[in-house]
Amino acid sequence: MRLSKKLAEDISHWKKLEGKRTLLRPLQRRDLQRSLLWLTDPMINKYLSQNFKDLTEEQEEKWFSYIQDSEADIVFAILEKDSSDHIGNCSLNKIDHRNGRCELGIVIGDKDHWNKGFGSDAVDILVNFAVEDLEIPTVRLNVYVYNQRAIKVYKKCGFKLIKVFKKDHLYNGKYWDTLIMEYDSRLVQDYQ
């Protein structure tokens, strides 16, 4: 059985990924249309690691099929806990048990939920899931220097800056730095 399907079964049977303000559940086909709207929205797209402005429904369906069979990726829908509204998505990608690391991605697509703590809550849940349930001690992410809101969230959640790729991201006619940030539970535990 593939990783994402096994985790989806485990989550639905015995584990709720629940934070103070959000719930995470495996992304479902019914979430794709809403996700596509978010990914192609220029206000959201500028913060994403890839340019999805021309993404089609067919491409999104193909990606969803790939993710369903992936051994190294799991994608969650982020739900507002009080209403159960789907407000974003988050993922663990490039899951590498052998070397104890993975990459984190997140988008709060519903802009009415920006700057209200939902992203921080979802990141905390996802990091805890990686460390405690998957036994992956190191979680990395990429973020553009102009995404100060996200950088603040990641620092709050225990991520540290480990590398800067100078002027490697072109956006709006200008080159920007990409920051590589990392959460390493082995270092965090040493200080507690």
Protein backbone atom coordinates (compact mmCIF):
# COMPACT_ATOMS: atom_id res chain seq x y z
CA MET A 1 0.00 0.00 0.00
CA ARG A 2 1.30 3.46 -0.87
CA LEU A 3 2.19 5.92 1.87
CA SER A 4 -0.56 8.45 1.25
CA LYS A 5 -3.35 5.86 1.08
CA LYS A 6 -2.15 4.16 4.27
CA LEU A 7 -1.94 7.48 6.09
CA ALA A 8 -5.38 8.48 4.83
CA GLU A 9 -6.80 5.24 6.22
CA ASP A 10 -4.97 5.68 9.52
CA ILE A 11 -6.17 9.25 9.91
CA SER A 12 -9.78 8.43 9.12
CA HIS A 13 -9.81 5.43 11.48
CA TRP A 14 -7.75 6.38 14.50
CA LYS A 15 -6.26 9.83 14.36
CA LYS A 16 -7.65 13.30 14.01
CA LEU A 17 -5.15 15.92 13.00
CA GLU A 18 -6.59 18.69 15.11
CA GLY A 19 -5.20 21.99 16.28
CA LYS A 20 -6.66 24.89 18.19
CA ARG A 21 -8.25 26.50 15.12
CA THR A 22 -7.89 23.99 12.28
CA LEU A 23 -8.39 20.36 11.32
CA LEU A 24 -6.40 18.54 8.66
CA ARG A 25 -7.87 15.75 6.55
CA PRO A 26 -6.55 14.11 3.40
CA LEU A 27 -7.28 16.15 0.29
CA GLN A 28 -10.23 14.75 -1.66
CA ARG A 29 -11.29 15.01 -5.29
CA ARG A 30 -14.15 17.32 -4.27
CA ASP A 31 -11.54 19.86 -3.05
CA LEU A 32 -9.84 20.23 -6.43
CA GLN A 33 -12.03 22.92 -7.98
CA ARG A 34 -11.64 25.22 -4.99
CA SER A 35 -7.90 24.49 -4.88
CA LEU A 36 -7.57 25.33 -8.58
CA LEU A 37 -9.20 28.72 -7.99
CA TRP A 38 -6.68 29.45 -5.25
CA LEU A 39 -3.65 28.27 -7.21
CA THR A 40 -4.52 30.40 -10.23
CA ASP A 41 -5.31 33.54 -8.19
CA PRO A 42 -2.42 36.02 -8.79
CA MET A 43 -2.61 37.29 -5.18
CA ILE A 44 -1.98 33.75 -3.93
CA ASN A 45 0.16 32.43 -6.77
CA LYS A 46 2.96 34.92 -6.14
CA TYR A 47 3.76 33.17 -2.86
CA LEU A 48 3.81 29.61 -4.24
CA SER A 49 6.92 27.67 -5.20
CA GLN A 50 5.63 27.19 -8.75
CA ASN A 51 3.70 29.39 -11.12
CA PHE A 52 0.24 27.84 -11.37
CA LYS A 53 -1.50 30.75 -13.11
CA ASP A 54 -2.27 28.65 -16.21
CA LEU A 55 -3.09 25.41 -14.38
CA THR A 56 -6.03 23.53 -15.91
CA GLU A 57 -8.60 21.18 -14.38
CA GLU A 58 -7.07 18.33 -16.38
CA GLN A 59 -3.60 19.04 -14.97
CA GLU A 60 -5.01 19.29 -11.45
CA GLU A 61 -6.77 15.91 -11.89
CA LYS A 62 -3.55 14.34 -13.18
CA TRP A 63 -1.63 15.73 -10.19
CA PHE A 64 -4.30 14.40 -7.80
CA SER A 65 -4.00 10.91 -9.29
CA TYR A 66 -0.23 11.09 -8.92
CA ILE A 67 -0.49 12.19 -5.27
CA GLN A 68 -2.93 9.38 -4.48
CA ASP A 69 -0.30 6.84 -5.52
CA SER A 70 2.74 8.68 -4.20
CA GLU A 71 4.99 6.98 -1.68
CA ALA A 72 6.64 10.26 -0.77
CA ASP A 73 3.86 12.87 -0.59
CA ILE A 74 0.71 13.48 1.39
CA VAL A 75 -1.61 16.43 0.92
CA PHE A 76 -4.17 17.66 3.43
CA ALA A 77 -7.12 20.00 3.22
CA ILE A 78 -7.06 22.61 5.97
CA LEU A 79 -10.48 23.07 7.55
CA GLU A 80 -11.56 25.82 9.90
CA LYS A 81 -12.36 23.91 13.07
CA ASP A 82 -15.55 25.79 13.98
CA SER A 83 -17.23 25.73 10.56
CA SER A 84 -15.47 22.82 8.79
CA ASP A 85 -14.94 25.18 5.82
CA HIS A 86 -12.08 24.23 3.51
CA ILE A 87 -9.72 27.22 3.76
CA GLY A 88 -6.44 25.90 2.36
CA ASN A 89 -4.14 22.97 1.72
CA CYS A 90 -0.87 21.78 3.17
CA SER A 91 1.50 18.96 2.38
CA LEU A 92 4.51 16.94 3.30
CA ASN A 93 6.54 16.20 0.18
CA LYS A 94 9.69 14.32 -0.67
CA ILE A 95 9.18 12.22 2.46
CA ASP A 96 12.48 10.41 3.00
CA HIS A 97 12.37 8.02 5.95
CA ARG A 98 15.89 6.79 5.32
CA ASN A 99 17.42 10.24 5.80
CA GLY A 100 14.73 11.54 8.18
CA ARG A 101 13.53 14.55 6.22
CA CYS A 102 10.69 15.98 4.17
CA GLU A 103 9.47 19.27 2.74
CA LEU A 104 6.45 21.25 3.88
CA GLY A 105 4.12 23.30 1.71
CA ILE A 106 1.07 25.31 2.70
CA VAL A 107 -1.45 27.68 1.18
CA ILE A 108 -4.27 29.43 2.97
CA GLY A 109 -6.34 29.98 -0.14
CA ASP A 110 -9.34 31.67 1.46
CA LYS A 111 -8.03 35.21 1.90
CA ASP A 112 -10.65 35.94 4.57
CA HIS A 113 -8.58 33.61 6.77
CA TRP A 114 -5.24 35.38 6.25
CA ASN A 115 -3.54 36.95 9.29
CA LYS A 116 -5.78 35.16 11.78
CA GLY A 117 -3.54 32.33 13.01
CA PHE A 118 -4.90 29.54 10.80
CA GLY A 119 -1.60 29.08 8.94
CA SER A 120 0.42 28.88 12.16
CA ASP A 121 -1.98 26.33 13.58
CA ALA A 122 -1.86 24.17 10.44
CA VAL A 123 1.97 24.32 10.30
CA ASP A 124 2.18 23.26 13.96
CA ILE A 125 -0.14 20.30 13.31
CA LEU A 126 1.75 19.24 10.20
CA VAL A 127 5.20 19.48 11.81
CA ASN A 128 3.99 17.52 14.82
CA PHE A 129 2.55 14.87 12.49
CA ALA A 130 5.87 14.60 10.61
CA VAL A 131 7.94 14.33 13.79
CA GLU A 132 5.67 12.23 16.01
CA ASP A 133 3.72 10.01 13.61
CA LEU A 134 6.06 9.67 10.64
CA GLU A 135 9.21 9.86 12.80
CA ILE A 136 10.76 12.40 10.43
CA PRO A 137 12.93 14.73 12.54
CA THR A 138 13.72 17.33 9.86
CA VAL A 139 11.17 19.40 7.95
CA ARG A 140 12.30 21.95 5.34
CA LEU A 141 10.55 24.59 3.31
CA ASN A 142 11.27 27.30 0.77
CA VAL A 143 9.87 30.82 1.10
CA TYR A 144 10.45 34.00 -0.90
CA VAL A 145 11.93 36.94 0.98
CA TYR A 146 8.93 39.14 0.10
CA ASN A 147 6.55 36.76 1.91
CA GLN A 148 7.17 38.29 5.33
CA ARG A 149 3.86 37.02 6.75
CA ALA A 150 4.88 33.41 6.07
CA ILE A 151 8.42 33.92 7.37
CA LYS A 152 6.96 35.20 10.65
CA VAL A 153 4.70 32.12 10.86
CA TYR A 154 7.57 29.72 10.20
CA LYS A 155 9.81 31.35 12.83
CA LYS A 156 6.94 31.21 15.33
CA CYS A 157 6.61 27.48 14.59
CA GLY A 158 10.31 26.81 15.26
CA PHE A 159 11.83 26.97 11.78
CA LYS A 160 15.31 28.43 11.42
CA LEU A 161 16.92 30.01 8.37
CA ILE A 162 19.60 27.67 7.02
CA LYS A 163 20.34 28.95 3.52
CA VAL A 164 19.62 31.84 1.15
CA PHE A 165 19.56 31.52 -2.61
CA LYS A 166 20.32 35.04 -3.76
CA LYS A 167 18.11 36.52 -6.45
CA ASP A 168 17.01 33.16 -7.88
CA HIS A 169 13.24 33.83 -8.12
CA LEU A 170 11.80 36.14 -10.77
CA TYR A 171 8.56 37.83 -9.80
CA ASN A 172 7.02 40.99 -11.19
CA GLY A 173 10.13 41.86 -13.22
CA LYS A 174 12.52 41.61 -10.27
CA TYR A 175 14.74 38.85 -8.87
CA TRP A 176 14.15 37.93 -5.24
CA ASP A 177 15.96 35.76 -2.69
CA THR A 178 14.61 32.35 -1.73
CA LEU A 179 15.03 31.39 1.91
CA ILE A 180 15.44 27.77 2.97
CA MET A 181 14.13 27.21 6.47
CA GLU A 182 14.28 24.06 8.56
CA TYR A 183 12.65 22.61 11.63
CA ASP A 184 14.87 20.00 13.27
CA SER A 185 13.22 18.28 16.22
CA ARG A 186 16.58 16.94 17.39
CA LEU A 187 17.83 20.50 17.94
CA VAL A 188 14.57 21.70 19.48
CA GLN A 189 14.61 18.84 22.02
CA ASP A 190 18.20 19.65 22.98
CA TYR A 191 17.09 23.09 24.26
CA GLN A 192 14.04 21.93 26.21
